[in-house]
PDB file of all heavy atoms in Angstrom:
ATOM      1  N   LYS A   1     150.242  43.072  71.374  1.00  0.00           N
ATOM      2  CA  LYS A   1     150.292  44.065  72.443  1.00  0.00           C
ATOM      3  C   LYS A   1     150.381  43.401  73.818  1.00  0.00           C
ATOM      4  O   LYS A   1     151.107  43.873  74.699  1.00  0.00           O
ATOM      5  CB  LYS A   1     149.073  44.982  72.355  1.00  0.00           C
ATOM      6  CG  LYS A   1     149.101  45.912  71.146  1.00  0.00           C
ATOM      7  CD  LYS A   1     148.030  46.990  71.218  1.00  0.00           C
ATOM      8  CE  LYS A   1     146.644  46.443  70.985  1.00  0.00           C
ATOM      9  NZ  LYS A   1     145.625  47.525  70.946  1.00  0.00           N
ATOM     10  N   LEU A   2     149.644  42.306  74.009  1.00  0.00           N
ATOM     11  CA  LEU A   2     149.708  41.599  75.290  1.00  0.00           C
ATOM     12  C   LEU A   2     151.092  41.008  75.532  1.00  0.00           C
ATOM     13  O   LEU A   2     151.580  40.981  76.666  1.00  0.00           O
ATOM     14  CB  LEU A   2     148.659  40.482  75.324  1.00  0.00           C
ATOM     15  CG  LEU A   2     147.204  40.905  75.504  1.00  0.00           C
ATOM     16  CD1 LEU A   2     146.289  39.694  75.356  1.00  0.00           C
ATOM     17  CD2 LEU A   2     146.973  41.571  76.854  1.00  0.00           C
ATOM     18  N   ASN A   3     151.739  40.544  74.477  1.00  0.00           N
ATOM     19  CA  ASN A   3     153.054  39.913  74.626  1.00  0.00           C
ATOM     20  C   ASN A   3     154.148  40.917  74.971  1.00  0.00           C
ATOM     21  O   ASN A   3     155.049  40.613  75.772  1.00  0.00           O
ATOM     22  CB  ASN A   3     153.423  39.161  73.345  1.00  0.00           C
ATOM     23  CG  ASN A   3     152.672  37.855  73.196  1.00  0.00           C
ATOM     24  OD1 ASN A   3     152.269  37.251  74.182  1.00  0.00           O
ATOM     25  ND2 ASN A   3     152.478  37.418  71.959  1.00  0.00           N
ATOM     26  N   PHE A   4     154.100  42.096  74.368  1.00  0.00           N
ATOM     27  CA  PHE A   4     155.207  43.037  74.512  1.00  0.00           C
ATOM     28  C   PHE A   4     154.866  44.309  75.290  1.00  0.00           C
ATOM     29  O   PHE A   4     155.755  44.950  75.840  1.00  0.00           O
ATOM     30  CB  PHE A   4     155.737  43.427  73.123  1.00  0.00           C
ATOM     31  CG  PHE A   4     156.250  42.259  72.330  1.00  0.00           C
ATOM     32  CD1 PHE A   4     155.506  41.726  71.285  1.00  0.00           C
ATOM     33  CD2 PHE A   4     157.468  41.679  72.643  1.00  0.00           C
ATOM     34  CE1 PHE A   4     155.975  40.640  70.560  1.00  0.00           C
ATOM     35  CE2 PHE A   4     157.947  40.596  71.927  1.00  0.00           C
ATOM     36  CZ  PHE A   4     157.201  40.073  70.877  1.00  0.00           C
ATOM     37  N   GLY A   5     153.594  44.671  75.318  1.00  0.00           N
ATOM     38  CA  GLY A   5     153.197  45.933  75.917  1.00  0.00           C
ATOM     39  C   GLY A   5     153.547  46.102  77.388  1.00  0.00           C
ATOM     40  O   GLY A   5     154.136  47.134  77.767  1.00  0.00           O
ATOM     41  N   PRO A   6     153.215  45.140  78.255  1.00  0.00           N
ATOM     42  CA  PRO A   6     153.527  45.339  79.688  1.00  0.00           C
ATOM     43  C   PRO A   6     155.005  45.572  79.955  1.00  0.00           C
ATOM     44  O   PRO A   6     155.365  46.457  80.749  1.00  0.00           O
ATOM     45  CB  PRO A   6     153.018  44.034  80.320  1.00  0.00           C
ATOM     46  CG  PRO A   6     151.918  43.585  79.415  1.00  0.00           C
ATOM     47  CD  PRO A   6     152.382  43.951  78.034  1.00  0.00           C
ATOM     48  N   PHE A   7     155.875  44.815  79.296  1.00  0.00           N
ATOM     49  CA  PHE A   7     157.315  45.006  79.503  1.00  0.00           C
ATOM     50  C   PHE A   7     157.757  46.376  79.010  1.00  0.00           C
ATOM     51  O   PHE A   7     158.504  47.094  79.692  1.00  0.00           O
ATOM     52  CB  PHE A   7     158.103  43.911  78.789  1.00  0.00           C
ATOM     53  CG  PHE A   7     159.604  44.098  78.873  1.00  0.00           C
ATOM     54  CD1 PHE A   7     160.304  43.670  79.992  1.00  0.00           C
ATOM     55  CD2 PHE A   7     160.305  44.724  77.843  1.00  0.00           C
ATOM     56  CE1 PHE A   7     161.680  43.863  80.090  1.00  0.00           C
ATOM     57  CE2 PHE A   7     161.671  44.920  77.931  1.00  0.00           C
ATOM     58  CZ  PHE A   7     162.368  44.479  79.048  1.00  0.00           C
ATOM     59  N   LEU A   8     157.321  46.762  77.814  1.00  0.00           N
ATOM     60  CA  LEU A   8     157.742  48.046  77.254  1.00  0.00           C
ATOM     61  C   LEU A   8     157.273  49.213  78.116  1.00  0.00           C
ATOM     62  O   LEU A   8     158.023  50.165  78.358  1.00  0.00           O
ATOM     63  CB  LEU A   8     157.202  48.189  75.831  1.00  0.00           C
ATOM     64  CG  LEU A   8     157.819  47.255  74.783  1.00  0.00           C
ATOM     65  CD1 LEU A   8     157.082  47.384  73.451  1.00  0.00           C
ATOM     66  CD2 LEU A   8     159.307  47.551  74.597  1.00  0.00           C
ATOM     67  N   LEU A   9     156.027  49.132  78.600  1.00  0.00           N
ATOM     68  CA  LEU A   9     155.500  50.226  79.403  1.00  0.00           C
ATOM     69  C   LEU A   9     156.193  50.306  80.760  1.00  0.00           C
ATOM     70  O   LEU A   9     156.546  51.384  81.236  1.00  0.00           O
ATOM     71  CB  LEU A   9     153.991  50.066  79.585  1.00  0.00           C
ATOM     72  CG  LEU A   9     153.157  50.363  78.333  1.00  0.00           C
ATOM     73  CD1 LEU A   9     151.744  49.842  78.496  1.00  0.00           C
ATOM     74  CD2 LEU A   9     153.128  51.860  78.054  1.00  0.00           C
ATOM     75  N   ASP A  10     156.395  49.147  81.395  1.00  0.00           N
ATOM     76  CA  ASP A  10     156.988  49.128  82.734  1.00  0.00           C
ATOM     77  C   ASP A  10     158.485  49.446  82.727  1.00  0.00           C
ATOM     78  O   ASP A  10     158.964  50.254  83.535  1.00  0.00           O
ATOM     79  CB  ASP A  10     156.783  47.752  83.377  1.00  0.00           C
ATOM     80  CG  ASP A  10     155.501  47.670  84.194  1.00  0.00           C
ATOM     81  OD1 ASP A  10     154.915  48.727  84.472  1.00  0.00           O
ATOM     82  OD2 ASP A  10     155.100  46.555  84.541  1.00  0.00           O
ATOM     83  N   TYR A  11     159.223  48.821  81.803  1.00  0.00           N
ATOM     84  CA  TYR A  11     160.684  48.825  81.917  1.00  0.00           C
ATOM     85  C   TYR A  11     161.416  49.646  80.849  1.00  0.00           C
ATOM     86  O   TYR A  11     162.577  49.984  81.033  1.00  0.00           O
ATOM     87  CB  TYR A  11     161.199  47.389  81.898  1.00  0.00           C
ATOM     88  CG  TYR A  11     160.661  46.584  83.057  1.00  0.00           C
ATOM     89  CD1 TYR A  11     159.716  45.586  82.863  1.00  0.00           C
ATOM     90  CD2 TYR A  11     161.086  46.837  84.359  1.00  0.00           C
ATOM     91  CE1 TYR A  11     159.205  44.854  83.932  1.00  0.00           C
ATOM     92  CE2 TYR A  11     160.601  46.115  85.433  1.00  0.00           C
ATOM     93  CZ  TYR A  11     159.656  45.125  85.217  1.00  0.00           C
ATOM     94  OH  TYR A  11     159.158  44.415  86.282  1.00  0.00           O
ATOM     95  N   VAL A  12     160.743  49.947  79.741  1.00  0.00           N
ATOM     96  CA  VAL A  12     161.371  50.781  78.715  1.00  0.00           C
ATOM     97  C   VAL A  12     160.871  52.225  78.833  1.00  0.00           C
ATOM     98  O   VAL A  12     161.651  53.149  79.044  1.00  0.00           O
ATOM     99  CB  VAL A  12     161.115  50.208  77.310  1.00  0.00           C
ATOM    100  CG1 VAL A  12     161.729  51.124  76.251  1.00  0.00           C
ATOM    101  CG2 VAL A  12     161.685  48.794  77.196  1.00  0.00           C
ATOM    102  N   LEU A  13     159.560  52.400  78.716  1.00  0.00           N
ATOM    103  CA  LEU A  13     159.004  53.748  78.872  1.00  0.00           C
ATOM    104  C   LEU A  13     158.936  54.175  80.326  1.00  0.00           C
ATOM    105  O   LEU A  13     158.883  55.367  80.633  1.00  0.00           O
ATOM    106  CB  LEU A  13     157.605  53.795  78.249  1.00  0.00           C
ATOM    107  CG  LEU A  13     157.541  53.591  76.741  1.00  0.00           C
ATOM    108  CD1 LEU A  13     156.097  53.618  76.266  1.00  0.00           C
ATOM    109  CD2 LEU A  13     158.356  54.634  76.013  1.00  0.00           C
ATOM    110  N   LYS A  14     158.930  53.183  81.235  1.00  0.00           N
ATOM    111  CA  LYS A  14     158.877  53.435  82.685  1.00  0.00           C
ATOM    112  C   LYS A  14     157.670  54.286  83.056  1.00  0.00           C
ATOM    113  O   LYS A  14     157.746  55.217  83.869  1.00  0.00           O
ATOM    114  CB  LYS A  14     160.183  54.071  83.166  1.00  0.00           C
ATOM    115  CG  LYS A  14     161.388  53.155  82.976  1.00  0.00           C
ATOM    116  CD  LYS A  14     162.665  53.766  83.506  1.00  0.00           C
ATOM    117  CE  LYS A  14     163.832  52.792  83.304  1.00  0.00           C
ATOM    118  NZ  LYS A  14     165.119  53.345  83.800  1.00  0.00           N
ATOM    119  N   LEU A  15     156.532  53.906  82.467  1.00  0.00           N
ATOM    120  CA  LEU A  15     155.259  54.524  82.801  1.00  0.00           C
ATOM    121  C   LEU A  15     154.552  53.636  83.827  1.00  0.00           C
ATOM    122  O   LEU A  15     154.348  52.453  83.570  1.00  0.00           O
ATOM    123  CB  LEU A  15     154.387  54.679  81.556  1.00  0.00           C
ATOM    124  CG  LEU A  15     154.825  55.745  80.550  1.00  0.00           C
ATOM    125  CD1 LEU A  15     154.056  55.597  79.247  1.00  0.00           C
ATOM    126  CD2 LEU A  15     154.601  57.144  81.134  1.00  0.00           C
ATOM    127  N   PRO A  16     154.141  54.161  84.981  1.00  0.00           N
ATOM    128  CA  PRO A  16     153.505  53.328  85.991  1.00  0.00           C
ATOM    129  C   PRO A  16     152.104  52.886  85.617  1.00  0.00           C
ATOM    130  O   PRO A  16     151.565  51.945  86.190  1.00  0.00           O
ATOM    131  CB  PRO A  16     153.485  54.239  87.222  1.00  0.00           C
ATOM    132  CG  PRO A  16     153.500  55.626  86.671  1.00  0.00           C
ATOM    133  CD  PRO A  16     154.343  55.545  85.423  1.00  0.00           C
ATOM    134  N   PHE A  17     151.499  53.574  84.652  1.00  0.00           N
ATOM    135  CA  PHE A  17     150.166  53.212  84.165  1.00  0.00           C
ATOM    136  C   PHE A  17     149.978  53.848  82.801  1.00  0.00           C
ATOM    137  O   PHE A  17     150.784  54.685  82.374  1.00  0.00           O
ATOM    138  CB  PHE A  17     149.062  53.676  85.135  1.00  0.00           C
ATOM    139  CG  PHE A  17     149.112  55.150  85.454  1.00  0.00           C
ATOM    140  CD1 PHE A  17     148.516  56.087  84.619  1.00  0.00           C
ATOM    141  CD2 PHE A  17     149.748  55.599  86.603  1.00  0.00           C
ATOM    142  CE1 PHE A  17     148.562  57.434  84.905  1.00  0.00           C
ATOM    143  CE2 PHE A  17     149.803  56.954  86.908  1.00  0.00           C
ATOM    144  CZ  PHE A  17     149.215  57.871  86.060  1.00  0.00           C
ATOM    145  N   ILE A  18     148.917  53.457  82.131  1.00  0.00           N
ATOM    146  CA  ILE A  18     148.584  54.038  80.831  1.00  0.00           C
ATOM    147  C   ILE A  18     147.206  54.675  80.941  1.00  0.00           C
ATOM    148  O   ILE A  18     146.308  54.123  81.582  1.00  0.00           O
ATOM    149  CB  ILE A  18     148.643  52.963  79.725  1.00  0.00           C
ATOM    150  CG1 ILE A  18     148.412  53.589  78.356  1.00  0.00           C
ATOM    151  CG2 ILE A  18     147.696  51.817  79.990  1.00  0.00           C
ATOM    152  CD1 ILE A  18     148.696  52.627  77.219  1.00  0.00           C
ATOM    153  N   ASP A  19     147.025  55.840  80.337  1.00  0.00           N
ATOM    154  CA  ASP A  19     145.842  56.653  80.614  1.00  0.00           C
ATOM    155  C   ASP A  19     145.333  57.312  79.331  1.00  0.00           C
ATOM    156  O   ASP A  19     146.127  57.904  78.581  1.00  0.00           O
ATOM    157  CB  ASP A  19     146.222  57.734  81.639  1.00  0.00           C
ATOM    158  CG  ASP A  19     145.031  58.447  82.250  1.00  0.00           C
ATOM    159  OD1 ASP A  19     143.957  58.467  81.628  1.00  0.00           O
ATOM    160  OD2 ASP A  19     145.173  58.998  83.362  1.00  0.00           O
ATOM    161  N   PRO A  20     144.021  57.258  79.055  1.00  0.00           N
ATOM    162  CA  PRO A  20     143.479  57.982  77.897  1.00  0.00           C
ATOM    163  C   PRO A  20     143.747  59.482  77.959  1.00  0.00           C
ATOM    164  O   PRO A  20     143.753  60.150  76.918  1.00  0.00           O
ATOM    165  CB  PRO A  20     141.978  57.694  77.978  1.00  0.00           C
ATOM    166  CG  PRO A  20     141.856  56.427  78.743  1.00  0.00           C
ATOM    167  CD  PRO A  20     142.982  56.460  79.729  1.00  0.00           C
ATOM    168  N   ARG A  21     143.987  60.026  79.161  1.00  0.00           N
ATOM    169  CA  ARG A  21     144.233  61.451  79.311  1.00  0.00           C
ATOM    170  C   ARG A  21     145.673  61.856  79.004  1.00  0.00           C
ATOM    171  O   ARG A  21     146.032  63.032  79.139  1.00  0.00           O
ATOM    172  CB  ARG A  21     143.870  61.907  80.731  1.00  0.00           C
ATOM    173  CG  ARG A  21     142.393  61.838  81.017  1.00  0.00           C
ATOM    174  CD  ARG A  21     142.058  62.386  82.399  1.00  0.00           C
ATOM    175  NE  ARG A  21     140.628  62.280  82.648  1.00  0.00           N
ATOM    176  CZ  ARG A  21     139.725  63.181  82.256  1.00  0.00           C
ATOM    177  NH1 ARG A  21     140.120  64.270  81.614  1.00  0.00           N
ATOM    178  NH2 ARG A  21     138.450  62.999  82.501  1.00  0.00           N
ATOM    179  N   PHE A  22     146.498  60.908  78.587  1.00  0.00           N
ATOM    180  CA  PHE A  22     147.868  61.259  78.214  1.00  0.00           C
ATOM    181  C   PHE A  22     147.898  62.322  77.113  1.00  0.00           C
ATOM    182  O   PHE A  22     148.853  63.089  77.008  1.00  0.00           O
ATOM    183  CB  PHE A  22     148.621  60.019  77.735  1.00  0.00           C
ATOM    184  CG  PHE A  22     149.175  59.167  78.839  1.00  0.00           C
ATOM    185  CD1 PHE A  22     149.678  57.897  78.555  1.00  0.00           C
ATOM    186  CD2 PHE A  22     149.214  59.608  80.142  1.00  0.00           C
ATOM    187  CE1 PHE A  22     150.208  57.094  79.564  1.00  0.00           C
ATOM    188  CE2 PHE A  22     149.736  58.817  81.160  1.00  0.00           C
ATOM    189  CZ  PHE A  22     150.239  57.560  80.862  1.00  0.00           C
ATOM    190  N   SER A  23     146.849  62.353  76.299  1.00  0.00           N
ATOM    191  CA  SER A  23     146.832  63.323  75.195  1.00  0.00           C
ATOM    192  C   SER A  23     146.786  64.759  75.688  1.00  0.00           C
ATOM    193  O   SER A  23     147.141  65.684  74.956  1.00  0.00           O
ATOM    194  CB  SER A  23     145.635  63.054  74.284  1.00  0.00           C
ATOM    195  OG  SER A  23     144.416  63.138  75.009  1.00  0.00           O
ATOM    196  N   THR A  24     146.355  64.974  76.938  1.00  0.00           N
ATOM    197  CA  THR A  24     146.314  66.328  77.493  1.00  0.00           C
ATOM    198  C   THR A  24     147.389  66.528  78.565  1.00  0.00           C
ATOM    199  O   THR A  24     147.328  67.489  79.330  1.00  0.00           O
ATOM    200  CB  THR A  24     144.929  66.629  78.091  1.00  0.00           C
ATOM    201  OG1 THR A  24     144.604  65.638  79.086  1.00  0.00           O
ATOM    202  CG2 THR A  24     143.858  66.609  77.008  1.00  0.00           C
ATOM    203  N   ALA A  25     148.353  65.613  78.617  1.00  0.00           N
ATOM    204  CA  ALA A  25     149.465  65.767  79.558  1.00  0.00           C
ATOM    205  C   ALA A  25     150.349  66.940  79.120  1.00  0.00           C
ATOM    206  O   ALA A  25     150.236  67.462  78.006  1.00  0.00           O
ATOM    207  CB  ALA A  25     150.285  64.485  79.616  1.00  0.00           C
ATOM    208  N   ARG A  26     151.266  67.335  79.987  1.00  0.00           N
ATOM    209  CA  ARG A  26     152.164  68.437  79.647  1.00  0.00           C
ATOM    210  C   ARG A  26     153.022  68.063  78.448  1.00  0.00           C
ATOM    211  O   ARG A  26     153.487  66.928  78.316  1.00  0.00           O
ATOM    212  CB  ARG A  26     153.041  68.780  80.850  1.00  0.00           C
ATOM    213  CG  ARG A  26     152.255  69.308  82.046  1.00  0.00           C
ATOM    214  CD  ARG A  26     153.166  69.749  83.159  1.00  0.00           C
ATOM    215  NE  ARG A  26     153.978  70.893  82.772  1.00  0.00           N
ATOM    216  CZ  ARG A  26     154.847  71.498  83.573  1.00  0.00           C
ATOM    217  NH1 ARG A  26     155.029  71.038  84.809  1.00  0.00           N
ATOM    218  NH2 ARG A  26     155.555  72.522  83.136  1.00  0.00           N
ATOM    219  N   PRO A  27     153.231  69.013  77.518  1.00  0.00           N
ATOM    220  CA  PRO A  27     154.006  68.718  76.310  1.00  0.00           C
ATOM    221  C   PRO A  27     155.378  68.138  76.625  1.00  0.00           C
ATOM    222  O   PRO A  27     156.048  68.544  77.574  1.00  0.00           O
ATOM    223  CB  PRO A  27     154.118  70.086  75.632  1.00  0.00           C
ATOM    224  CG  PRO A  27     152.910  70.826  76.104  1.00  0.00           C
ATOM    225  CD  PRO A  27     152.700  70.374  77.516  1.00  0.00           C
ATOM    226  N   PHE A  28     155.740  67.144  75.817  1.00  0.00           N
ATOM    227  CA  PHE A  28     157.048  66.482  75.839  1.00  0.00           C
ATOM    228  C   PHE A  28     157.252  65.554  77.044  1.00  0.00           C
ATOM    229  O   PHE A  28     158.350  65.061  77.253  1.00  0.00           O
ATOM    230  CB  PHE A  28     158.190  67.521  75.740  1.00  0.00           C
ATOM    231  CG  PHE A  28     158.067  68.398  74.534  1.00  0.00           C
ATOM    232  CD1 PHE A  28     157.706  69.727  74.656  1.00  0.00           C
ATOM    233  CD2 PHE A  28     158.267  67.877  73.265  1.00  0.00           C
ATOM    234  CE1 PHE A  28     157.569  70.540  73.546  1.00  0.00           C
ATOM    235  CE2 PHE A  28     158.136  68.684  72.141  1.00  0.00           C
ATOM    236  CZ  PHE A  28     157.785  70.006  72.277  1.00  0.00           C
ATOM    237  N   THR A  29     156.195  65.330  77.827  1.00  0.00           N
ATOM    238  CA  THR A  29     156.270  64.258  78.816  1.00  0.00           C
ATOM    239  C   THR A  29     156.086  62.914  78.098  1.00  0.00           C
ATOM    240  O   THR A  29     155.649  62.858  76.941  1.00  0.00           O
ATOM    241  CB  THR A  29     155.182  64.421  79.884  1.00  0.00           C
ATOM    242  OG1 THR A  29     153.890  64.397  79.252  1.00  0.00           O
ATOM    243  CG2 THR A  29     155.364  65.722  80.646  1.00  0.00           C
ATOM    244  N   LYS A  30     156.453  61.832  78.778  1.00  0.00           N
ATOM    245  CA  LYS A  30     156.357  60.512  78.148  1.00  0.00           C
ATOM    246  C   LYS A  30     154.929  60.193  77.717  1.00  0.00           C
ATOM    247  O   LYS A  30     154.695  59.675  76.623  1.00  0.00           O
ATOM    248  CB  LYS A  30     156.865  59.443  79.107  1.00  0.00           C
ATOM    249  CG  LYS A  30     158.354  59.491  79.378  1.00  0.00           C
ATOM    250  CD  LYS A  30     158.743  58.411  80.370  1.00  0.00           C
ATOM    251  CE  LYS A  30     160.219  58.498  80.728  1.00  0.00           C
ATOM    252  NZ  LYS A  30     160.590  57.470  81.743  1.00  0.00           N
ATOM    253  N   GLY A  31     153.973  60.485  78.592  1.00  0.00           N
ATOM    254  CA  GLY A  31     152.587  60.198  78.253  1.00  0.00           C
ATOM    255  C   GLY A  31     152.117  60.983  77.044  1.00  0.00           C
ATOM    256  O   GLY A  31     151.446  60.449  76.154  1.00  0.00           O
ATOM    257  N   TRP A  32     152.471  62.261  76.994  1.00  0.00           N
ATOM    258  CA  TRP A  32     152.090  63.119  75.872  1.00  0.00           C
ATOM    259  C   TRP A  32     152.693  62.612  74.569  1.00  0.00           C
ATOM    260  O   TRP A  32     152.026  62.567  73.531  1.00  0.00           O
ATOM    261  CB  TRP A  32     152.561  64.541  76.170  1.00  0.00           C
ATOM    262  CG  TRP A  32     152.227  65.557  75.112  1.00  0.00           C
ATOM    263  CD1 TRP A  32     151.071  66.263  74.976  1.00  0.00           C
ATOM    264  CD2 TRP A  32     153.096  65.984  74.043  1.00  0.00           C
ATOM    265  NE1 TRP A  32     151.149  67.113  73.889  1.00  0.00           N
ATOM    266  CE2 TRP A  32     152.383  66.957  73.298  1.00  0.00           C
ATOM    267  CE3 TRP A  32     154.385  65.645  73.662  1.00  0.00           C
ATOM    268  CZ2 TRP A  32     152.929  67.590  72.192  1.00  0.00           C
ATOM    269  CZ3 TRP A  32     154.934  66.279  72.552  1.00  0.00           C
ATOM    270  CH2 TRP A  32     154.213  67.233  71.832  1.00  0.00           C
TER     271      TRP A  32
END
């Protein structure tokens, strides 16, 4: 996860941060 996670989150998923509350994000958003 340390090797690949930062790149995937920043440049593939384009998520500015990762959050435990993503599970309650609006349906069909990237975090959700």
